[in-house]
């Protein structure tokens, strides 16, 4: 855990992999038992330490060890590995273009990536695509919607000024 604490600075998950040798109680043959357990994502070290301690205790508990049937008994520990998988993706919100792996999801039609716009029309582009515009040609519809809202806001502001003059 010290190595993890020293080297890990982002959220992560852990793969706890252990192999034991089991011996058949009837004929003495040995078999390797492999178990690969994945953790949830961790954002705090104490949670990861607790989870890892639980996995180690489960691995060392030979009486309650999983096996194919009751004819196989624990013989010896064979191998234990702990792999840490870091969350190296940059935060996606407000960081510019999407990473390639996420942007490429748009090619199957289940998602449309509108991250190529460098203006404040992103929301309007999303609404335009939702309303049926093609993703590559949604800018005109997006500008029209934004302009319409702007005009509505100006018109509402003028009306409220006129109403306040008449009342006041």
N, C-alpha and C. Protein backbone atom coordinates (compact mmCIF):
# COMPACT_ATOMS: atom_id res chain seq x y z
N UNK A 1 0.82 -1.19 0.00
CA UNK A 1 0.00 0.00 0.00
C UNK A 1 0.87 1.25 0.00
N UNK A 2 2.04 1.16 0.55
CA UNK A 2 2.94 2.32 0.57
C UNK A 2 3.31 2.75 -0.84
N UNK A 3 3.55 1.79 -1.72
CA UNK A 3 3.88 2.10 -3.11
C UNK A 3 2.72 2.82 -3.79
N UNK A 4 1.52 2.35 -3.52
CA UNK A 4 0.32 2.99 -4.11
C UNK A 4 0.19 4.40 -3.58
N UNK A 5 0.32 4.55 -2.27
CA UNK A 5 0.19 5.88 -1.66
C UNK A 5 1.24 6.84 -2.22
N UNK A 6 2.43 6.34 -2.48
CA UNK A 6 3.53 7.18 -2.97
C UNK A 6 3.33 7.59 -4.43
N UNK A 7 2.83 6.66 -5.27
CA UNK A 7 2.80 6.90 -6.71
C UNK A 7 1.46 7.31 -7.30
N UNK A 8 0.37 7.15 -6.57
CA UNK A 8 -0.95 7.40 -7.13
C UNK A 8 -1.47 8.75 -6.65
N UNK A 9 -1.84 9.60 -7.61
CA UNK A 9 -2.34 10.94 -7.27
C UNK A 9 -3.72 11.22 -7.88
N UNK A 10 -4.29 10.24 -8.56
CA UNK A 10 -5.62 10.41 -9.16
C UNK A 10 -6.52 9.29 -8.67
N UNK A 11 -7.77 9.32 -9.09
CA UNK A 11 -8.65 8.21 -8.75
C UNK A 11 -8.16 6.96 -9.47
N UNK A 12 -8.54 5.79 -8.95
CA UNK A 12 -7.99 4.55 -9.49
C UNK A 12 -8.88 3.39 -9.07
N UNK A 13 -8.65 2.25 -9.70
CA UNK A 13 -9.22 1.01 -9.19
C UNK A 13 -8.12 -0.04 -9.13
N UNK A 14 -8.40 -1.11 -8.40
CA UNK A 14 -7.39 -2.14 -8.13
C UNK A 14 -7.89 -3.48 -8.66
N UNK A 15 -6.97 -4.24 -9.23
CA UNK A 15 -7.21 -5.65 -9.57
C UNK A 15 -6.40 -6.48 -8.59
N UNK A 16 -7.07 -7.31 -7.81
CA UNK A 16 -6.40 -8.21 -6.86
C UNK A 16 -6.47 -9.61 -7.46
N UNK A 17 -5.32 -10.15 -7.82
CA UNK A 17 -5.24 -11.44 -8.51
C UNK A 17 -4.44 -12.39 -7.64
N UNK A 18 -5.02 -13.53 -7.36
CA UNK A 18 -4.25 -14.51 -6.59
C UNK A 18 -4.47 -15.91 -7.14
N UNK A 19 -3.41 -16.70 -7.03
CA UNK A 19 -3.42 -18.09 -7.47
C UNK A 19 -3.02 -18.95 -6.27
N UNK A 20 -3.76 -20.04 -6.08
CA UNK A 20 -3.44 -21.01 -5.05
C UNK A 20 -3.35 -22.38 -5.69
N UNK A 21 -2.58 -23.24 -5.08
CA UNK A 21 -2.56 -24.63 -5.52
C UNK A 21 -3.51 -25.42 -4.64
N UNK A 22 -4.39 -26.15 -5.28
CA UNK A 22 -5.33 -27.02 -4.57
C UNK A 22 -4.92 -28.46 -4.82
N UNK A 23 -5.15 -29.32 -3.83
CA UNK A 23 -4.82 -30.74 -3.96
C UNK A 23 -6.11 -31.54 -3.81
N UNK A 24 -6.30 -32.49 -4.72
CA UNK A 24 -7.44 -33.37 -4.65
C UNK A 24 -7.20 -34.37 -3.53
N UNK A 25 -8.18 -34.47 -2.61
CA UNK A 25 -7.98 -35.32 -1.44
C UNK A 25 -8.10 -36.81 -1.76
N UNK A 26 -8.65 -37.14 -2.93
CA UNK A 26 -8.80 -38.55 -3.29
C UNK A 26 -7.56 -39.12 -3.98
N UNK A 27 -7.05 -38.42 -4.98
CA UNK A 27 -5.93 -38.97 -5.75
C UNK A 27 -4.67 -38.12 -5.70
N UNK A 28 -4.66 -37.00 -4.98
CA UNK A 28 -3.45 -36.23 -4.76
C UNK A 28 -3.01 -35.30 -5.88
N UNK A 29 -3.75 -35.25 -6.99
CA UNK A 29 -3.36 -34.33 -8.07
C UNK A 29 -3.51 -32.88 -7.61
N UNK A 30 -2.68 -32.03 -8.20
CA UNK A 30 -2.74 -30.61 -7.87
C UNK A 30 -3.38 -29.83 -9.01
N UNK A 31 -4.02 -28.74 -8.64
CA UNK A 31 -4.67 -27.86 -9.61
C UNK A 31 -4.43 -26.41 -9.17
N UNK A 32 -4.18 -25.56 -10.14
CA UNK A 32 -4.00 -24.14 -9.83
C UNK A 32 -5.37 -23.46 -9.86
N UNK A 33 -5.69 -22.73 -8.79
CA UNK A 33 -6.95 -21.99 -8.70
C UNK A 33 -6.62 -20.51 -8.87
N UNK A 34 -7.27 -19.86 -9.82
CA UNK A 34 -6.99 -18.46 -10.16
C UNK A 34 -8.21 -17.62 -9.84
N UNK A 35 -8.01 -16.50 -9.16
CA UNK A 35 -9.11 -15.59 -8.82
C UNK A 35 -8.67 -14.17 -9.13
N UNK A 36 -9.47 -13.46 -9.90
CA UNK A 36 -9.19 -12.08 -10.31
C UNK A 36 -10.37 -11.22 -9.86
N UNK A 37 -10.14 -10.34 -8.91
CA UNK A 37 -11.21 -9.53 -8.34
C UNK A 37 -10.92 -8.06 -8.61
N UNK A 38 -11.90 -7.34 -9.12
CA UNK A 38 -11.76 -5.92 -9.38
C UNK A 38 -12.48 -5.09 -8.34
N UNK A 39 -11.93 -3.95 -8.04
CA UNK A 39 -12.53 -3.06 -7.03
C UNK A 39 -13.41 -2.03 -7.71
N UNK A 40 -14.17 -1.27 -6.91
CA UNK A 40 -14.81 -0.07 -7.46
C UNK A 40 -13.76 1.03 -7.64
N UNK A 41 -14.13 2.15 -8.25
CA UNK A 41 -13.20 3.28 -8.37
C UNK A 41 -13.00 3.91 -7.00
N UNK A 42 -11.75 4.22 -6.70
CA UNK A 42 -11.43 4.85 -5.42
C UNK A 42 -10.97 6.28 -5.65
N UNK A 43 -11.45 7.16 -4.77
CA UNK A 43 -11.00 8.55 -4.78
C UNK A 43 -10.27 8.89 -3.49
N UNK A 44 -10.32 7.96 -2.54
CA UNK A 44 -9.66 8.17 -1.25
C UNK A 44 -8.83 6.94 -0.89
N UNK A 45 -7.64 7.16 -0.36
CA UNK A 45 -6.74 6.07 0.01
C UNK A 45 -7.30 5.17 1.12
N UNK A 46 -7.95 5.72 2.15
CA UNK A 46 -8.46 4.83 3.21
C UNK A 46 -9.46 3.79 2.68
N UNK A 47 -10.28 4.18 1.70
CA UNK A 47 -11.23 3.23 1.11
C UNK A 47 -10.49 2.12 0.38
N UNK A 48 -9.44 2.48 -0.32
CA UNK A 48 -8.65 1.48 -1.06
C UNK A 48 -7.93 0.54 -0.08
N UNK A 49 -7.39 1.10 1.00
CA UNK A 49 -6.71 0.28 1.99
C UNK A 49 -7.67 -0.73 2.61
N UNK A 50 -8.85 -0.28 2.95
CA UNK A 50 -9.86 -1.17 3.54
C UNK A 50 -10.21 -2.29 2.57
N UNK A 51 -10.46 -1.94 1.32
CA UNK A 51 -10.83 -2.95 0.32
C UNK A 51 -9.69 -3.97 0.13
N UNK A 52 -8.46 -3.48 0.05
CA UNK A 52 -7.31 -4.36 -0.15
C UNK A 52 -7.11 -5.28 1.06
N UNK A 53 -7.29 -4.75 2.27
CA UNK A 53 -7.20 -5.59 3.47
C UNK A 53 -8.24 -6.71 3.44
N UNK A 54 -9.47 -6.37 3.01
CA UNK A 54 -10.54 -7.38 2.92
C UNK A 54 -10.17 -8.47 1.92
N UNK A 55 -9.60 -8.07 0.78
CA UNK A 55 -9.22 -9.06 -0.24
C UNK A 55 -8.09 -9.96 0.26
N UNK A 56 -7.13 -9.38 0.95
CA UNK A 56 -6.02 -10.17 1.49
C UNK A 56 -6.52 -11.15 2.54
N UNK A 57 -7.44 -10.71 3.39
CA UNK A 57 -8.00 -11.60 4.41
C UNK A 57 -8.77 -12.74 3.74
N UNK A 58 -9.52 -12.43 2.71
CA UNK A 58 -10.27 -13.46 1.98
C UNK A 58 -9.31 -14.46 1.33
N UNK A 59 -8.23 -13.95 0.78
CA UNK A 59 -7.23 -14.81 0.12
C UNK A 59 -6.54 -15.73 1.13
N UNK A 60 -6.28 -15.25 2.33
CA UNK A 60 -5.56 -16.02 3.34
C UNK A 60 -6.46 -16.97 4.13
N UNK A 61 -7.76 -16.81 4.04
CA UNK A 61 -8.69 -17.66 4.77
C UNK A 61 -8.87 -18.98 4.01
N UNK A 62 -8.06 -19.96 4.33
CA UNK A 62 -8.08 -21.24 3.59
C UNK A 62 -9.32 -22.07 3.89
N UNK A 63 -9.97 -21.85 5.02
CA UNK A 63 -11.16 -22.63 5.35
C UNK A 63 -12.37 -22.26 4.49
N UNK A 64 -12.48 -20.98 4.14
CA UNK A 64 -13.62 -20.52 3.35
C UNK A 64 -13.25 -20.22 1.91
N UNK A 65 -12.17 -20.77 1.43
CA UNK A 65 -11.68 -20.52 0.08
C UNK A 65 -12.62 -21.13 -0.96
N UNK A 66 -12.84 -20.40 -2.04
CA UNK A 66 -13.65 -20.94 -3.14
C UNK A 66 -12.86 -22.06 -3.82
N UNK A 67 -13.55 -23.12 -4.20
CA UNK A 67 -12.95 -24.23 -4.93
C UNK A 67 -14.03 -24.90 -5.77
N UNK A 68 -13.61 -25.70 -6.74
CA UNK A 68 -14.57 -26.30 -7.66
C UNK A 68 -15.54 -27.25 -6.95
N UNK A 69 -15.07 -28.03 -5.99
CA UNK A 69 -15.93 -28.87 -5.15
C UNK A 69 -15.18 -29.21 -3.86
N UNK A 70 -15.81 -29.95 -2.99
CA UNK A 70 -15.22 -30.21 -1.67
C UNK A 70 -14.08 -31.21 -1.69
N UNK A 71 -13.83 -31.84 -2.84
CA UNK A 71 -12.74 -32.81 -2.94
C UNK A 71 -11.38 -32.14 -3.12
N UNK A 72 -11.40 -30.83 -3.29
CA UNK A 72 -10.15 -30.09 -3.46
C UNK A 72 -9.87 -29.31 -2.19
N UNK A 73 -8.71 -29.50 -1.62
CA UNK A 73 -8.29 -28.79 -0.42
C UNK A 73 -7.11 -27.88 -0.73
N UNK A 74 -6.94 -26.89 0.12
CA UNK A 74 -5.83 -25.94 -0.06
C UNK A 74 -4.50 -26.66 0.13
N UNK A 75 -3.53 -26.39 -0.77
CA UNK A 75 -2.20 -26.98 -0.66
C UNK A 75 -1.15 -25.91 -0.35
N UNK A 76 -1.11 -24.86 -1.18
CA UNK A 76 -0.13 -23.79 -0.93
C UNK A 76 -0.51 -22.53 -1.71
N UNK A 77 0.05 -21.40 -1.23
CA UNK A 77 -0.11 -20.14 -1.95
C UNK A 77 0.83 -20.15 -3.14
N UNK A 78 0.35 -19.65 -4.25
CA UNK A 78 1.16 -19.72 -5.46
C UNK A 78 1.60 -18.34 -5.92
N UNK A 79 0.68 -17.41 -6.03
CA UNK A 79 1.02 -16.10 -6.58
C UNK A 79 -0.05 -15.09 -6.16
N UNK A 80 0.38 -13.88 -5.86
CA UNK A 80 -0.54 -12.78 -5.57
C UNK A 80 -0.05 -11.55 -6.32
N UNK A 81 -0.95 -10.91 -7.06
CA UNK A 81 -0.61 -9.67 -7.77
C UNK A 81 -1.63 -8.60 -7.42
N UNK A 82 -1.16 -7.39 -7.31
CA UNK A 82 -2.05 -6.24 -7.13
C UNK A 82 -1.71 -5.27 -8.26
N UNK A 83 -2.71 -5.00 -9.09
CA UNK A 83 -2.51 -4.05 -10.19
C UNK A 83 -3.38 -2.83 -9.94
N UNK A 84 -2.78 -1.67 -10.11
CA UNK A 84 -3.50 -0.41 -9.94
C UNK A 84 -3.71 0.21 -11.31
N UNK A 85 -4.95 0.54 -11.61
CA UNK A 85 -5.28 1.17 -12.89
C UNK A 85 -5.69 2.61 -12.60
N UNK A 86 -4.89 3.54 -13.11
CA UNK A 86 -5.12 4.96 -12.84
C UNK A 86 -6.15 5.54 -13.78
N UNK A 87 -6.83 6.55 -13.28
CA UNK A 87 -7.76 7.31 -14.11
C UNK A 87 -6.95 8.47 -14.70
N UNK A 88 -6.41 8.28 -15.89
CA UNK A 88 -5.55 9.28 -16.50
C UNK A 88 -6.29 10.20 -17.47
N UNK A 89 -7.59 9.99 -17.65
CA UNK A 89 -8.34 10.84 -18.56
C UNK A 89 -8.50 12.22 -17.93
N UNK A 90 -8.30 13.25 -18.74
CA UNK A 90 -8.54 14.60 -18.27
C UNK A 90 -10.03 14.76 -18.03
N UNK A 91 -10.40 15.66 -17.14
CA UNK A 91 -11.83 15.93 -17.00
C UNK A 91 -12.40 16.36 -18.35
N UNK A 92 -13.57 15.89 -18.67
CA UNK A 92 -14.12 16.14 -19.99
C UNK A 92 -14.85 17.47 -20.10
N UNK A 93 -15.37 17.98 -19.01
CA UNK A 93 -16.17 19.19 -19.09
C UNK A 93 -15.28 20.42 -19.15
N UNK A 94 -15.44 21.21 -20.18
CA UNK A 94 -14.75 22.48 -20.29
C UNK A 94 -13.28 22.39 -20.61
N UNK A 95 -12.79 21.29 -21.11
CA UNK A 95 -11.36 21.17 -21.40
C UNK A 95 -11.07 21.19 -22.88
N UNK A 96 -12.02 21.57 -23.69
CA UNK A 96 -11.78 21.64 -25.13
C UNK A 96 -12.25 20.40 -25.84
N UNK A 97 -11.47 19.96 -26.82
CA UNK A 97 -11.87 18.82 -27.64
C UNK A 97 -11.93 17.54 -26.82
N UNK A 98 -12.84 16.65 -27.21
CA UNK A 98 -12.96 15.36 -26.55
C UNK A 98 -11.76 14.49 -26.90
N UNK A 99 -11.38 13.56 -26.02
CA UNK A 99 -10.33 12.61 -26.39
C UNK A 99 -10.80 11.76 -27.57
N UNK A 100 -9.85 11.26 -28.36
CA UNK A 100 -10.20 10.49 -29.55
C UNK A 100 -11.10 9.31 -29.26
N UNK A 101 -10.82 8.58 -28.16
CA UNK A 101 -11.62 7.39 -27.87
C UNK A 101 -13.08 7.75 -27.66
N UNK A 102 -13.36 8.93 -27.07
CA UNK A 102 -14.74 9.34 -26.84
C UNK A 102 -15.33 9.97 -28.09
N UNK A 103 -14.52 10.74 -28.81
CA UNK A 103 -15.00 11.38 -30.02
C UNK A 103 -15.38 10.34 -31.07
N UNK A 104 -14.65 9.22 -31.13
CA UNK A 104 -14.92 8.18 -32.11
C UNK A 104 -16.21 7.42 -31.85
N UNK A 105 -16.78 7.54 -30.65
CA UNK A 105 -18.07 6.91 -30.39
C UNK A 105 -19.17 7.53 -31.24
N UNK A 106 -18.94 8.76 -31.70
CA UNK A 106 -19.95 9.45 -32.49
C UNK A 106 -20.16 8.81 -33.85
N UNK A 107 -19.22 8.01 -34.30
CA UNK A 107 -19.34 7.44 -35.64
C UNK A 107 -20.33 6.30 -35.72
N UNK A 108 -20.79 5.76 -34.59
CA UNK A 108 -21.76 4.67 -34.67
C UNK A 108 -23.20 5.18 -34.57
N UNK A 109 -23.41 6.46 -34.44
CA UNK A 109 -24.75 7.02 -34.43
C UNK A 109 -25.39 7.10 -33.06
N UNK A 110 -24.78 6.53 -32.04
CA UNK A 110 -25.39 6.57 -30.72
C UNK A 110 -25.08 7.87 -29.98
N UNK A 111 -24.10 8.61 -30.49
CA UNK A 111 -23.72 9.86 -29.85
C UNK A 111 -23.22 10.82 -30.92
N UNK A 112 -23.48 12.08 -30.73
CA UNK A 112 -22.99 13.11 -31.65
C UNK A 112 -22.00 13.97 -30.87
N UNK A 113 -20.80 14.10 -31.37
CA UNK A 113 -19.78 14.91 -30.72
C UNK A 113 -19.77 16.29 -31.36
N UNK A 114 -20.12 17.30 -30.57
CA UNK A 114 -20.16 18.67 -31.07
C UNK A 114 -19.05 19.50 -30.42
N UNK A 115 -17.92 18.91 -30.22
CA UNK A 115 -16.85 19.59 -29.51
C UNK A 115 -15.95 20.41 -30.42
N UNK A 116 -16.24 20.48 -31.70
CA UNK A 116 -15.37 21.21 -32.62
C UNK A 116 -15.69 22.70 -32.62
N UNK A 117 -16.75 23.11 -31.97
CA UNK A 117 -17.12 24.52 -31.93
C UNK A 117 -16.35 25.23 -30.84
N UNK A 118 -15.79 26.39 -31.18
CA UNK A 118 -15.02 27.16 -30.21
C UNK A 118 -15.77 28.43 -29.81
N UNK A 119 -17.09 28.34 -29.79
CA UNK A 119 -17.90 29.50 -29.42
C UNK A 119 -18.93 29.08 -28.38
N UNK A 120 -19.85 29.96 -28.09
CA UNK A 120 -20.86 29.68 -27.08
C UNK A 120 -22.13 29.06 -27.67
N UNK A 121 -22.04 28.51 -28.86
CA UNK A 121 -23.22 27.92 -29.49
C UNK A 121 -23.38 26.44 -29.21
N UNK A 122 -22.56 25.87 -28.38
CA UNK A 122 -22.61 24.43 -28.15
C UNK A 122 -23.99 23.98 -27.70
N UNK A 123 -24.57 24.66 -26.72
CA UNK A 123 -25.90 24.30 -26.25
C UNK A 123 -26.91 24.37 -27.39
N UNK A 124 -26.82 25.42 -28.18
CA UNK A 124 -27.78 25.59 -29.28
C UNK A 124 -27.56 24.53 -30.36
N UNK A 125 -26.32 24.17 -30.59
CA UNK A 125 -26.04 23.09 -31.56
C UNK A 125 -26.63 21.77 -31.07
N UNK A 126 -26.50 21.50 -29.80
CA UNK A 126 -27.08 20.27 -29.25
C UNK A 126 -28.59 20.26 -29.41
N UNK A 127 -29.22 21.39 -29.15
CA UNK A 127 -30.68 21.47 -29.31
C UNK A 127 -31.06 21.31 -30.78
N UNK A 128 -30.30 21.94 -31.68
CA UNK A 128 -30.60 21.83 -33.11
C UNK A 128 -30.47 20.38 -33.59
N UNK A 129 -29.44 19.68 -33.15
CA UNK A 129 -29.28 18.27 -33.54
C UNK A 129 -30.42 17.45 -32.97
N UNK A 130 -30.81 17.74 -31.74
CA UNK A 130 -31.92 17.03 -31.12
C UNK A 130 -33.21 17.25 -31.91
N UNK A 131 -33.36 18.45 -32.46
CA UNK A 131 -34.57 18.75 -33.24
C UNK A 131 -34.50 18.25 -34.67
N UNK A 132 -33.41 17.57 -35.05
CA UNK A 132 -33.36 16.92 -36.35
C UNK A 132 -32.35 17.48 -37.33
N UNK A 133 -31.63 18.53 -36.98
CA UNK A 133 -30.61 19.06 -37.87
C UNK A 133 -29.44 18.08 -37.94
N UNK A 134 -28.75 18.08 -39.07
CA UNK A 134 -27.57 17.22 -39.22
C UNK A 134 -26.43 17.85 -38.43
N UNK A 135 -25.62 17.02 -37.77
CA UNK A 135 -24.57 17.52 -36.87
C UNK A 135 -23.58 18.44 -37.59
N UNK A 136 -23.25 18.14 -38.86
CA UNK A 136 -22.28 18.97 -39.57
C UNK A 136 -22.89 20.28 -40.08
N UNK A 137 -24.21 20.36 -40.11
CA UNK A 137 -24.86 21.56 -40.64
C UNK A 137 -25.85 22.16 -39.65
N UNK A 138 -25.53 22.12 -38.39
CA UNK A 138 -26.48 22.60 -37.38
C UNK A 138 -26.20 24.04 -36.93
N UNK A 139 -25.09 24.62 -37.39
CA UNK A 139 -24.69 25.93 -36.89
C UNK A 139 -25.70 27.02 -37.26
N UNK A 140 -26.23 26.97 -38.48
CA UNK A 140 -27.19 27.99 -38.90
C UNK A 140 -28.44 27.95 -38.01
N UNK A 141 -28.97 26.76 -37.77
CA UNK A 141 -30.15 26.62 -36.92
C UNK A 141 -29.84 27.05 -35.48
N UNK A 142 -28.64 26.73 -35.00
CA UNK A 142 -28.23 27.11 -33.66
C UNK A 142 -28.16 28.63 -33.52
N UNK A 143 -27.57 29.30 -34.52
CA UNK A 143 -27.49 30.77 -34.48
C UNK A 143 -28.88 31.39 -34.52
N UNK A 144 -29.77 30.80 -35.33
CA UNK A 144 -31.13 31.33 -35.43
C UNK A 144 -31.86 31.21 -34.08
N UNK A 145 -31.70 30.08 -33.41
CA UNK A 145 -32.34 29.92 -32.10
C UNK A 145 -31.76 30.89 -31.07
N UNK A 146 -30.44 31.06 -31.08
CA UNK A 146 -29.82 31.98 -30.14
C UNK A 146 -30.26 33.41 -30.40
N UNK A 147 -30.34 33.78 -31.68
CA UNK A 147 -30.77 35.13 -32.06
C UNK A 147 -32.23 35.36 -31.65
N UNK A 148 -33.07 34.35 -31.85
CA UNK A 148 -34.48 34.46 -31.48
C UNK A 148 -34.63 34.68 -29.98
N UNK A 149 -33.86 33.94 -29.19
CA UNK A 149 -33.92 34.11 -27.74
C UNK A 149 -33.42 35.51 -27.36
N UNK A 150 -32.34 35.95 -27.99
CA UNK A 150 -31.81 37.28 -27.70
C UNK A 150 -32.84 38.36 -28.00
N UNK A 151 -33.50 38.25 -29.15
CA UNK A 151 -34.53 39.22 -29.52
C UNK A 151 -35.71 39.16 -28.55
N UNK A 152 -36.07 37.98 -28.12
CA UNK A 152 -37.16 37.83 -27.16
C UNK A 152 -36.80 38.48 -25.84
N UNK A 153 -35.55 38.31 -25.41
CA UNK A 153 -35.11 38.92 -24.16
C UNK A 153 -35.11 40.45 -24.27
N UNK A 154 -34.64 40.99 -25.43
CA UNK A 154 -34.64 42.44 -25.64
C UNK A 154 -36.06 42.98 -25.65
N UNK A 155 -36.94 42.25 -26.35
CA UNK A 155 -38.33 42.67 -26.44
C UNK A 155 -38.98 42.65 -25.05
N UNK A 156 -38.71 41.64 -24.28
CA UNK A 156 -39.25 41.54 -22.92
C UNK A 156 -38.71 42.67 -22.06
N UNK A 157 -37.45 43.01 -22.22
CA UNK A 157 -36.85 44.10 -21.43
C UNK A 157 -37.51 45.42 -21.80
N UNK A 158 -37.76 45.66 -23.11
CA UNK A 158 -38.43 46.90 -23.54
C UNK A 158 -39.85 46.97 -22.99
N UNK A 159 -40.56 45.84 -23.04
CA UNK A 159 -41.93 45.82 -22.52
C UNK A 159 -41.95 46.13 -21.03
N UNK A 160 -41.03 45.53 -20.28
CA UNK A 160 -41.02 45.78 -18.85
C UNK A 160 -40.67 47.23 -18.54
N UNK A 161 -39.79 47.86 -19.37
CA UNK A 161 -39.48 49.28 -19.19
C UNK A 161 -40.72 50.13 -19.42
N UNK A 162 -41.44 49.85 -20.53
CA UNK A 162 -42.64 50.61 -20.86
C UNK A 162 -43.70 50.46 -19.78
N UNK A 163 -43.87 49.24 -19.27
CA UNK A 163 -44.85 49.00 -18.23
C UNK A 163 -44.48 49.74 -16.97
N UNK A 164 -43.20 49.73 -16.63
CA UNK A 164 -42.78 50.42 -15.40
C UNK A 164 -42.93 51.94 -15.55
N UNK A 165 -42.74 52.50 -16.77
CA UNK A 165 -42.95 53.94 -16.98
C UNK A 165 -44.41 54.29 -16.80
N UNK A 166 -45.30 53.47 -17.35
CA UNK A 166 -46.75 53.75 -17.25
C UNK A 166 -47.24 53.64 -15.82
N UNK A 167 -46.69 52.71 -15.08
CA UNK A 167 -47.14 52.53 -13.69
C UNK A 167 -46.54 53.61 -12.81
N UNK A 168 -45.28 53.94 -13.05
CA UNK A 168 -44.55 54.88 -12.19
C UNK A 168 -44.86 56.26 -12.48
